Amino acid sequence: MKYTLLATTLGALLLPALANSETAVKSGGDTTVFDKSRNAFSLPARNLSILRRDNFFIGNAFFKQPWVAAPASTKARDGLGPLFNTNTCQSCHVKDGRGRPPLNDDEDFLSALVRLSIPATTDAHQAQLIQSGVIPEPTYGDQLQPSAIPGIKGEGRPAISYEEITGEFADGSPYSLIKPTPRIDDLNYGELHPDTLMSVRVAPPMIGLGLLDAISEADILANADPEDEDKDGISGRPNQVWDVQLKQTVLGRFGWKANQPNIAQQSAGAFHGDLGVNSELHPGQNCTAAQVDCHKAIDGGTPEIPAEILDKVVFYSSTLAVPARRGTKNPEVARGEAMFTQANCSSCHQPEFKTGTHSSIAELSNQTINPYSDLLLHDMGEGLADNRPDFLASGKEWRTPPLWGIGLTKTVNAHTRFLHDGRARNLSEAILWHGGEAEASKQQYIGMPKADRDALIAFLNSL
């Protein structure tokens, strides 16, 4: 009852924004919302009924509110840690949007984290890869956790240094890029394995996840061309990952390397890795063998996030709406879309899919959507390589990130940092970091007159 009251109250505050529609491209089909404010990524699918929105706002409450260390009087939200990155999902996914890396050595990691692993060198490692995708660093696991509950030491302090790289467009206009190098200071549990692979990741935006989940596997695989049989230079391929519930290998479609099969497993993994909160999908404390005090810490029950609450968070994450495109009648935007297609960007950033039948959320079914992603892995070249494999994804491969909503990043999150580690300070820099399969597209962008480059950016900002 108290959850329903909370949901109804929160829903009433946002309904006016949902009702404000305009003539625009509905990127999320009937789920599309028409909001251009800082709340643009935080609204429920427009075709959800009032009763269904109750579940959305209950999930939203557990997504936004801080978790606390056990034991606590707040039984529904205790179990934080012992080691963690943050105490609330919203801390990384600010306003359900895009995270960014720290801008200097004095700033902590707030909406970014560091993935860790070591190369697979033994038969036992190869067997482990089937279910985990990576071999965790022995002392610190597969993710650095800088924070800890009282009585436990955090693992260390992550930091980034940047190297400037300069270049010129074909018309002589200069540009500069910044190349990040991560490090970890003040390690509290000993040295890292000498072959540690390290990768910075920023939190991706949450919008449209349920729609991506509703795309049929056949439609995704139809765009795969791992051997580049059509000789167009694009050889996207699917990742195959472990499904904890089904206990089998399935198609991966979420995460920077498409290493998660569905929103439920992705959400449970984030609770376990980012907040140190266990669930039925990820039981036990997130501690390595070297972290003795971590294992001794009091937990918040088994599981710390019950299935019924996790289900509400998954529903919330699945039904965050995509905002409509803006400025589509602007001639510069139309020109930029032509440049996008001419440069073959649309080969990976697929403009359109139609969702199939969603297993539990009918509102997401049979929607024509414009994610600008194929959800496949692509070799992006040495410049973007983190050299850290994940299931079938190589150290140079990344899933094509959806572009819908990208033009509202500054409005929602007050920054314009892009790519998996936030190294690109704007959309132009994001394009200039492309390599590998996207090298030819990048070279076309470099060769464009400034007016065409500006038009292409205007098109991206309309999405």
Protein backbone atom coordinates (compact mmCIF):
# COMPACT_ATOMS: atom_id res chain seq x y z
CA MET A 1 0.00 0.00 0.00
CA LYS A 2 2.75 2.48 0.92
CA TYR A 3 4.53 1.73 -2.37
CA THR A 4 1.34 2.41 -4.34
CA LEU A 5 0.81 5.72 -2.53
CA LEU A 6 4.38 6.75 -3.29
CA ALA A 7 4.01 5.74 -6.93
CA THR A 8 0.76 7.64 -7.37
CA THR A 9 2.25 10.76 -5.82
CA LEU A 10 5.36 10.67 -8.00
CA GLY A 11 3.33 9.82 -11.07
CA ALA A 12 1.09 12.83 -10.59
CA LEU A 13 4.13 15.10 -10.63
CA LEU A 14 5.28 13.84 -14.02
CA LEU A 15 2.01 13.33 -15.86
CA PRO A 16 1.88 16.89 -17.23
CA ALA A 17 5.18 16.30 -19.00
CA LEU A 18 3.83 13.08 -20.48
CA ALA A 19 0.79 14.81 -21.88
CA ASN A 20 2.79 17.51 -23.67
CA SER A 21 3.17 16.06 -27.17
CA GLU A 22 4.28 17.61 -30.42
CA THR A 23 4.76 16.60 -34.03
CA ALA A 24 8.07 14.75 -34.00
CA VAL A 25 9.68 11.43 -34.87
CA LYS A 26 8.64 8.89 -32.25
CA SER A 27 11.96 7.13 -31.72
CA GLY A 28 10.40 4.70 -29.24
CA GLY A 29 7.14 4.11 -31.09
CA ASP A 30 4.08 4.49 -28.86
CA THR A 31 6.33 4.56 -25.78
CA THR A 32 7.93 7.86 -26.91
CA VAL A 33 7.72 10.92 -24.66
CA PHE A 34 7.90 14.56 -25.72
CA ASP A 35 10.04 16.12 -23.05
CA LYS A 36 13.19 18.17 -23.70
CA SER A 37 13.91 19.14 -20.09
CA ARG A 38 16.41 17.72 -17.62
CA ASN A 39 13.81 15.03 -16.86
CA ALA A 40 13.76 13.81 -20.46
CA PHE A 41 15.35 10.42 -19.61
CA SER A 42 13.35 9.79 -16.42
CA LEU A 43 9.80 9.35 -17.69
CA PRO A 44 7.76 6.14 -18.03
CA ALA A 45 6.75 4.82 -21.42
CA ARG A 46 3.91 7.02 -22.63
CA ASN A 47 1.61 4.08 -23.35
CA LEU A 48 1.78 2.69 -19.80
CA SER A 49 -1.52 2.81 -17.94
CA ILE A 50 -1.79 4.57 -14.57
CA LEU A 51 -1.74 1.23 -12.75
CA ARG A 52 1.34 0.08 -14.66
CA ARG A 53 3.04 3.35 -13.77
CA ASP A 54 2.66 2.39 -10.11
CA ASN A 55 5.18 -0.41 -10.69
CA PHE A 56 7.43 2.04 -12.55
CA PHE A 57 7.56 4.49 -9.65
CA ILE A 58 8.04 1.77 -7.04
CA GLY A 59 11.08 0.60 -9.03
CA ASN A 60 12.19 4.20 -9.38
CA ALA A 61 12.16 4.62 -5.60
CA PHE A 62 14.53 1.69 -5.08
CA PHE A 63 16.69 2.89 -7.96
CA LYS A 64 17.05 6.39 -6.48
CA GLN A 65 17.11 5.90 -2.71
CA PRO A 66 20.39 5.11 -0.92
CA TRP A 67 21.11 1.65 0.42
CA VAL A 68 22.61 1.40 3.91
CA ALA A 69 24.90 -1.00 5.74
CA ALA A 70 23.35 -3.84 7.73
CA PRO A 71 22.05 -4.16 10.36
CA ALA A 72 19.66 -1.22 10.01
CA SER A 73 16.08 -0.33 10.80
CA THR A 74 15.58 0.26 7.06
CA LYS A 75 15.19 -3.45 6.30
CA ALA A 76 14.06 -2.96 2.70
CA ARG A 77 17.31 -1.18 1.80
CA ASP A 78 20.01 -2.58 4.07
CA GLY A 79 22.87 -4.74 2.86
CA LEU A 80 25.14 -2.14 1.27
CA GLY A 81 28.70 -3.37 0.72
CA PRO A 82 30.92 -4.49 2.39
CA LEU A 83 32.78 -3.14 -0.66
CA PHE A 84 31.00 -0.92 -3.17
CA ASN A 85 31.29 1.86 -5.74
CA THR A 86 28.23 3.84 -4.74
CA ASN A 87 25.20 3.54 -2.44
CA THR A 88 22.49 4.21 -5.01
CA CYS A 89 21.92 3.35 -8.68
CA GLN A 90 21.07 6.98 -9.39
CA SER A 91 24.58 8.08 -8.34
CA CYS A 92 26.01 6.54 -11.52
CA HIS A 93 22.99 6.92 -13.78
CA VAL A 94 22.32 10.54 -12.85
CA LYS A 95 18.82 11.46 -14.02
CA ASP A 96 18.90 8.05 -15.75
CA GLY A 97 21.49 9.44 -18.13
CA ARG A 98 25.14 9.16 -19.06
CA GLY A 99 28.05 9.09 -16.61
CA ARG A 100 31.40 10.73 -17.09
CA PRO A 101 34.98 10.15 -15.93
CA PRO A 102 36.72 12.42 -13.41
CA LEU A 103 38.08 15.54 -15.04
CA ASN A 104 41.28 15.71 -12.94
CA ASP A 105 43.24 13.88 -10.25
CA ASP A 106 41.42 15.68 -7.46
CA GLU A 107 38.01 14.37 -8.50
CA ASP A 108 36.72 10.95 -7.44
CA PHE A 109 35.07 8.43 -9.74
CA LEU A 110 31.36 9.23 -9.31
CA SER A 111 29.63 7.83 -12.39
CA ALA A 112 32.42 5.69 -13.79
CA LEU A 113 34.21 2.55 -12.64
CA VAL A 114 37.23 0.38 -13.47
CA ARG A 115 36.87 -3.16 -14.78
CA LEU A 116 39.70 -5.59 -13.94
CA SER A 117 40.71 -9.00 -15.22
CA ILE A 118 43.72 -11.08 -16.21
CA PRO A 119 44.36 -13.06 -19.41
CA ALA A 120 43.11 -16.64 -19.56
CA THR A 121 46.25 -18.82 -19.47
CA THR A 122 45.12 -22.22 -18.15
CA ASP A 123 42.54 -24.89 -19.00
CA ALA A 124 40.72 -23.98 -15.79
CA HIS A 125 40.58 -20.37 -16.96
CA GLN A 126 39.11 -21.43 -20.30
CA ALA A 127 36.37 -23.38 -18.52
CA GLN A 128 35.66 -20.42 -16.26
CA LEU A 129 35.25 -18.10 -19.24
CA ILE A 130 32.11 -19.92 -20.35
CA GLN A 131 30.15 -18.59 -17.36
CA SER A 132 32.04 -15.45 -16.35
CA GLY A 133 33.37 -14.06 -19.63
CA VAL A 134 36.53 -12.81 -17.90
CA ILE A 135 39.08 -14.07 -15.39
CA PRO A 136 38.85 -11.71 -12.39
CA GLU A 137 42.02 -10.19 -10.97
CA PRO A 138 42.82 -12.59 -8.08
CA THR A 139 42.95 -10.02 -5.26
CA TYR A 140 40.49 -7.34 -6.39
CA GLY A 141 37.98 -9.23 -8.54
CA ASP A 142 36.51 -8.02 -11.82
CA GLN A 143 35.69 -4.48 -10.68
CA LEU A 144 37.52 -2.04 -8.45
CA GLN A 145 35.42 -0.94 -5.46
CA PRO A 146 36.91 2.17 -3.84
CA SER A 147 34.36 2.47 -1.01
CA ALA A 148 33.51 0.29 1.97
CA ILE A 149 31.28 0.16 5.03
CA PRO A 150 32.80 1.06 8.46
CA GLY A 151 35.47 -1.39 9.57
CA ILE A 152 36.38 -2.43 6.01
CA LYS A 153 39.00 -0.86 3.78
CA GLY A 154 38.09 0.19 0.25
CA GLU A 155 40.16 -1.46 -2.44
CA GLY A 156 41.98 1.63 -3.74
CA ARG A 157 41.56 4.97 -5.44
CA PRO A 158 41.16 4.98 -9.23
CA ALA A 159 42.54 7.89 -11.23
CA ILE A 160 43.11 8.84 -14.87
CA SER A 161 45.85 10.78 -16.62
CA TYR A 162 45.34 12.20 -20.11
CA GLU A 163 47.62 12.58 -23.12
CA GLU A 164 46.71 15.13 -25.79
CA ILE A 165 46.70 14.02 -29.43
CA THR A 166 46.41 16.62 -32.18
CA GLY A 167 45.40 16.42 -35.82
CA GLU A 168 43.82 18.28 -38.71
CA PHE A 169 40.71 17.95 -40.84
CA ALA A 170 41.23 17.92 -44.61
CA ASP A 171 40.41 21.64 -44.77
CA GLY A 172 43.24 22.42 -42.34
CA SER A 173 41.06 22.97 -39.26
CA PRO A 174 42.85 21.62 -36.17
CA TYR A 175 41.41 19.21 -33.62
CA SER A 176 42.68 17.60 -30.44
CA LEU A 177 41.79 14.40 -28.62
CA ILE A 178 42.64 13.23 -25.10
CA LYS A 179 43.80 9.66 -24.55
CA PRO A 180 43.14 8.33 -21.03
CA THR A 181 45.44 6.06 -19.03
CA PRO A 182 43.87 4.66 -15.84
CA ARG A 183 45.76 3.78 -12.70
CA ILE A 184 44.91 2.76 -9.14
CA ASP A 185 46.51 4.51 -6.19
CA ASP A 186 46.59 3.46 -2.52
CA LEU A 187 45.87 -0.22 -3.00
CA ASN A 188 44.79 -1.71 0.34
CA TYR A 189 45.00 -5.45 -0.34
CA GLY A 190 48.36 -5.83 -2.03
CA GLU A 191 49.70 -5.41 -5.54
CA LEU A 192 47.70 -6.09 -8.67
CA HIS A 193 48.53 -9.16 -10.75
CA PRO A 194 51.34 -8.13 -13.14
CA ASP A 195 49.18 -8.93 -16.18
CA THR A 196 46.11 -7.04 -15.00
CA LEU A 197 43.85 -5.72 -17.76
CA MET A 198 42.13 -2.47 -16.78
CA SER A 199 39.24 -0.65 -18.47
CA VAL A 200 37.37 2.49 -17.44
CA ARG A 201 33.61 2.43 -18.06
CA VAL A 202 31.11 5.24 -17.66
CA ALA A 203 27.47 4.56 -16.86
CA PRO A 204 25.39 4.41 -20.07
CA PRO A 205 21.96 6.07 -20.37
CA MET A 206 19.01 3.94 -19.28
CA ILE A 207 16.41 4.92 -21.88
CA GLY A 208 14.81 2.37 -24.19
CA LEU A 209 16.33 -0.74 -22.62
CA GLY A 210 13.07 -2.68 -22.67
CA LEU A 211 12.59 -1.89 -26.35
CA LEU A 212 16.06 -3.26 -27.11
CA ASP A 213 15.18 -6.34 -25.08
CA ALA A 214 12.05 -6.79 -27.21
CA ILE A 215 13.92 -6.93 -30.55
CA SER A 216 13.88 -10.52 -31.75
CA GLU A 217 17.14 -12.43 -31.74
CA ALA A 218 16.60 -13.27 -35.40
CA ASP A 219 16.40 -9.59 -36.34
CA ILE A 220 19.66 -8.85 -34.54
CA LEU A 221 21.47 -11.82 -36.05
CA ALA A 222 20.22 -10.88 -39.53
CA ASN A 223 22.67 -7.93 -39.46
CA ALA A 224 25.66 -10.02 -38.36
CA ASP A 225 28.39 -10.56 -40.93
CA PRO A 226 31.37 -11.89 -38.96
CA GLU A 227 33.33 -12.89 -42.08
CA ASP A 228 32.40 -9.70 -43.99
CA GLU A 229 30.95 -11.79 -46.78
CA ASP A 230 29.47 -8.73 -48.48
CA LYS A 231 32.95 -7.10 -48.51
CA ASP A 232 31.73 -3.73 -47.20
CA GLY A 233 34.37 -3.61 -44.44
CA ILE A 234 31.75 -4.05 -41.69
CA SER A 235 31.80 -7.39 -39.89
CA GLY A 236 29.55 -7.06 -36.87
CA ARG A 237 29.13 -10.19 -34.82
CA PRO A 238 27.04 -11.18 -31.81
CA ASN A 239 28.43 -11.82 -28.37
CA GLN A 240 27.38 -15.08 -26.74
CA VAL A 241 27.13 -14.87 -22.95
CA TRP A 242 26.04 -16.92 -19.96
CA ASP A 243 22.42 -16.64 -18.78
CA VAL A 244 22.42 -17.30 -15.03
CA GLN A 245 18.76 -18.27 -14.88
CA LEU A 246 18.69 -20.49 -17.98
CA LYS A 247 22.17 -21.87 -17.23
CA GLN A 248 23.13 -21.74 -20.89
CA THR A 249 24.87 -19.51 -23.42
CA VAL A 250 22.60 -16.99 -25.15
CA LEU A 251 22.81 -13.79 -27.20
CA GLY A 252 24.31 -10.81 -25.36
CA ARG A 253 22.77 -7.42 -26.06
CA PHE A 254 23.43 -5.09 -23.07
CA GLY A 255 26.60 -3.48 -21.72
CA TRP A 256 29.51 -1.82 -23.52
CA LYS A 257 30.65 -5.20 -24.84
CA ALA A 258 27.19 -6.81 -25.02
CA ASN A 259 28.16 -9.03 -22.09
CA GLN A 260 24.69 -9.21 -20.50
CA PRO A 261 21.74 -11.16 -21.94
CA ASN A 262 18.83 -9.31 -20.35
CA ILE A 263 17.88 -6.43 -18.07
CA ALA A 264 17.26 -8.62 -15.02
CA GLN A 265 20.78 -10.08 -15.06
CA GLN A 266 22.30 -6.70 -15.86
CA SER A 267 20.43 -5.09 -12.94
CA ALA A 268 21.32 -7.86 -10.49
CA GLY A 269 24.94 -7.66 -11.60
CA ALA A 270 25.00 -3.91 -10.99
CA PHE A 271 23.52 -4.32 -7.52
CA HIS A 272 26.16 -6.92 -6.69
CA GLY A 273 29.15 -5.22 -8.31
CA ASP A 274 28.35 -1.54 -7.78
CA LEU A 275 26.48 -1.58 -4.45
CA GLY A 276 27.60 -4.88 -2.93
CA VAL A 277 23.95 -5.95 -2.62
CA ASN A 278 23.29 -9.63 -3.34
CA SER A 279 20.26 -11.23 -4.97
CA GLU A 280 19.01 -14.65 -6.00
CA LEU A 281 20.91 -14.21 -9.29
CA HIS A 282 24.13 -13.10 -7.55
CA PRO A 283 24.21 -14.58 -4.02
CA GLY A 284 26.95 -14.06 -1.44
CA GLN A 285 29.24 -11.16 -0.64
CA ASN A 286 31.27 -9.64 -3.45
CA CYS A 287 34.64 -10.35 -1.78
CA THR A 288 37.75 -12.15 -2.98
CA ALA A 289 39.64 -14.73 -0.94
CA ALA A 290 42.23 -12.10 0.07
CA GLN A 291 39.58 -9.84 1.63
CA VAL A 292 39.07 -11.61 4.94
CA ASP A 293 37.27 -8.80 6.79
CA CYS A 294 34.90 -8.40 3.87
CA HIS A 295 33.76 -12.02 4.27
CA LYS A 296 33.17 -11.49 8.01
CA ALA A 297 30.95 -8.43 7.58
CA ILE A 298 27.28 -8.64 8.56
CA ASP A 299 24.99 -9.00 5.57
CA GLY A 300 21.48 -7.70 5.04
CA GLY A 301 19.84 -11.10 4.68
CA THR A 302 19.64 -13.65 1.90
CA PRO A 303 18.97 -12.20 -0.57
CA GLU A 304 19.60 -8.58 0.34
CA ILE A 305 17.36 -7.39 -2.49
CA PRO A 306 14.32 -9.69 -2.63
CA ALA A 307 13.09 -10.91 -6.01
CA GLU A 308 9.90 -8.85 -5.83
CA ILE A 309 11.85 -5.60 -5.35
CA LEU A 310 14.41 -6.49 -8.03
CA ASP A 311 11.49 -7.19 -10.37
CA LYS A 312 10.19 -3.64 -9.78
CA VAL A 313 13.63 -2.18 -10.55
CA VAL A 314 13.79 -4.27 -13.72
CA PHE A 315 10.33 -3.04 -14.74
CA TYR A 316 11.44 0.54 -14.13
CA SER A 317 14.63 0.03 -16.12
CA SER A 318 12.65 -1.61 -18.93
CA THR A 319 10.06 1.12 -19.29
CA LEU A 320 12.13 4.31 -19.16
CA ALA A 321 10.94 6.10 -22.26
CA VAL A 322 12.93 7.39 -25.21
CA PRO A 323 12.37 11.10 -25.97
CA ALA A 324 11.19 12.09 -29.43
CA ARG A 325 13.59 13.49 -32.00
CA ARG A 326 13.73 17.24 -32.31
CA GLY A 327 14.36 19.65 -35.16
CA THR A 328 13.67 17.11 -37.88
CA LYS A 329 12.37 19.82 -40.25
CA ASN A 330 15.59 21.81 -39.96
CA PRO A 331 17.39 21.71 -43.36
CA GLU A 332 20.77 21.38 -41.64
CA VAL A 333 19.55 18.30 -39.75
CA ALA A 334 18.29 16.74 -43.00
CA ARG A 335 21.63 17.48 -44.63
CA GLY A 336 23.45 15.93 -41.68
CA GLU A 337 21.35 12.77 -41.94
CA ALA A 338 22.43 12.50 -45.59
CA MET A 339 26.07 12.88 -44.50
CA PHE A 340 25.54 10.17 -41.82
CA THR A 341 24.26 7.76 -44.46
CA GLN A 342 26.88 8.75 -47.04
CA ALA A 343 29.69 8.08 -44.58
CA ASN A 344 28.18 4.60 -43.95
CA CYS A 345 27.64 5.30 -40.24
CA SER A 346 24.23 3.66 -40.55
CA SER A 347 25.81 0.27 -41.30
CA CYS A 348 26.49 -0.15 -37.58
CA HIS A 349 24.17 2.50 -36.14
CA GLN A 350 21.09 0.83 -37.64
CA PRO A 351 18.30 3.43 -37.72
CA GLU A 352 15.27 1.18 -37.40
CA PHE A 353 13.97 -2.04 -35.85
CA LYS A 354 10.53 -3.35 -35.07
CA THR A 355 10.18 -5.01 -31.69
CA GLY A 356 8.68 -8.45 -31.37
CA THR A 357 6.41 -9.65 -28.58
CA HIS A 358 7.83 -8.75 -25.17
CA SER A 359 7.36 -11.62 -22.72
CA SER A 360 5.94 -9.54 -19.86
CA ILE A 361 5.48 -5.89 -20.95
CA ALA A 362 2.94 -5.77 -23.76
CA GLU A 363 3.43 -2.02 -24.20
CA LEU A 364 6.91 -2.68 -25.63
CA SER A 365 5.67 -5.13 -28.25
CA ASN A 366 5.34 -4.44 -31.98
CA GLN A 367 6.86 -0.95 -31.85
CA THR A 368 8.78 0.63 -34.73
CA ILE A 369 11.82 2.17 -33.05
CA ASN A 370 14.93 4.14 -34.01
CA PRO A 371 17.79 3.12 -31.68
CA TYR A 372 20.63 3.70 -34.18
CA SER A 373 22.37 0.51 -33.06
CA ASP A 374 22.66 -3.04 -34.33
CA LEU A 375 23.56 -4.39 -30.82
CA LEU A 376 26.49 -6.22 -32.42
CA LEU A 377 30.22 -6.18 -31.68
CA HIS A 378 32.55 -4.29 -34.01
CA ASP A 379 36.33 -3.96 -34.11
CA MET A 380 36.89 -0.27 -33.37
CA GLY A 381 40.65 -0.30 -33.85
CA GLU A 382 43.69 0.15 -31.63
CA GLY A 383 42.77 3.67 -30.54
CA LEU A 384 39.70 2.55 -28.58
CA ALA A 385 41.03 -0.90 -27.61
CA ASP A 386 41.08 -1.72 -23.91
CA ASN A 387 42.69 -5.11 -24.73
CA ARG A 388 40.28 -6.76 -22.29
CA PRO A 389 38.23 -9.62 -23.79
CA ASP A 390 34.73 -10.30 -22.43
CA PHE A 391 33.06 -13.57 -23.48
CA LEU A 392 33.48 -13.52 -27.29
CA ALA A 393 34.25 -9.79 -27.47
CA SER A 394 37.91 -9.14 -28.18
CA GLY A 395 39.93 -6.36 -26.62
CA LYS A 396 39.21 -4.18 -29.66
CA GLU A 397 35.50 -4.91 -30.01
CA TRP A 398 32.61 -2.86 -28.65
CA ARG A 399 28.86 -3.11 -29.01
CA THR A 400 27.40 -0.34 -31.17
CA PRO A 401 25.90 2.04 -28.58
CA PRO A 402 22.37 3.31 -29.30
CA LEU A 403 22.33 6.98 -30.29
CA TRP A 404 18.72 7.82 -29.41
CA GLY A 405 18.55 10.71 -26.94
CA ILE A 406 22.24 11.54 -27.41
CA GLY A 407 21.52 15.19 -28.25
CA LEU A 408 19.90 15.71 -24.82
CA THR A 409 22.99 14.59 -22.89
CA LYS A 410 24.09 18.12 -22.02
CA THR A 411 20.59 19.09 -20.92
CA VAL A 412 20.13 16.01 -18.73
CA ASN A 413 23.67 15.49 -17.43
CA ALA A 414 25.39 18.89 -17.87
CA HIS A 415 28.26 17.40 -19.88
CA THR A 416 29.08 16.06 -23.33
CA ARG A 417 31.44 13.18 -22.59
CA PHE A 418 31.03 10.16 -24.87
CA LEU A 419 32.39 6.66 -25.63
CA HIS A 420 32.85 3.81 -23.16
CA ASP A 421 35.29 5.71 -20.94
CA GLY A 422 34.05 9.24 -21.58
CA ARG A 423 37.27 10.31 -23.32
CA ALA A 424 35.42 12.17 -26.10
CA ARG A 425 34.58 15.71 -24.97
CA ASN A 426 32.00 16.16 -27.71
CA LEU A 427 30.40 14.26 -30.57
CA SER A 428 33.05 15.30 -33.08
CA GLU A 429 35.78 13.78 -30.90
CA ALA A 430 33.70 10.61 -30.53
CA ILE A 431 33.69 10.23 -34.33
CA LEU A 432 37.41 10.96 -34.56
CA TRP A 433 38.20 8.10 -32.14
CA HIS A 434 36.52 5.60 -34.47
CA GLY A 435 38.87 3.15 -36.17
CA GLY A 436 38.92 -0.46 -37.31
CA GLU A 437 35.68 -1.19 -39.14
CA ALA A 438 34.73 2.50 -38.80
CA GLU A 439 38.02 3.88 -40.13
CA ALA A 440 36.60 4.60 -43.58
CA SER A 441 33.63 6.45 -42.08
CA LYS A 442 35.95 8.50 -39.90
CA GLN A 443 38.11 9.41 -42.88
CA GLN A 444 35.02 10.58 -44.75
CA TYR A 445 34.17 12.81 -41.77
CA ILE A 446 37.71 14.20 -41.69
CA GLY A 447 37.45 14.96 -45.40
CA MET A 448 34.12 16.78 -45.21
CA PRO A 449 33.88 20.57 -45.48
CA LYS A 450 33.12 22.23 -42.15
CA ALA A 451 29.51 22.90 -43.15
CA ASP A 452 28.92 19.16 -43.73
CA ARG A 453 30.65 18.23 -40.47
CA ASP A 454 28.49 20.72 -38.60
CA ALA A 455 25.38 19.34 -40.29
CA LEU A 456 26.26 15.78 -39.28
CA ILE A 457 26.67 16.89 -35.66
CA ALA A 458 23.35 18.77 -35.89
CA PHE A 459 21.72 15.52 -37.04
CA LEU A 460 23.21 13.58 -34.10
CA ASN A 461 21.99 16.28 -31.71
CA SER A 462 18.47 15.84 -33.10
CA LEU A 463 18.33 12.19 -32.06
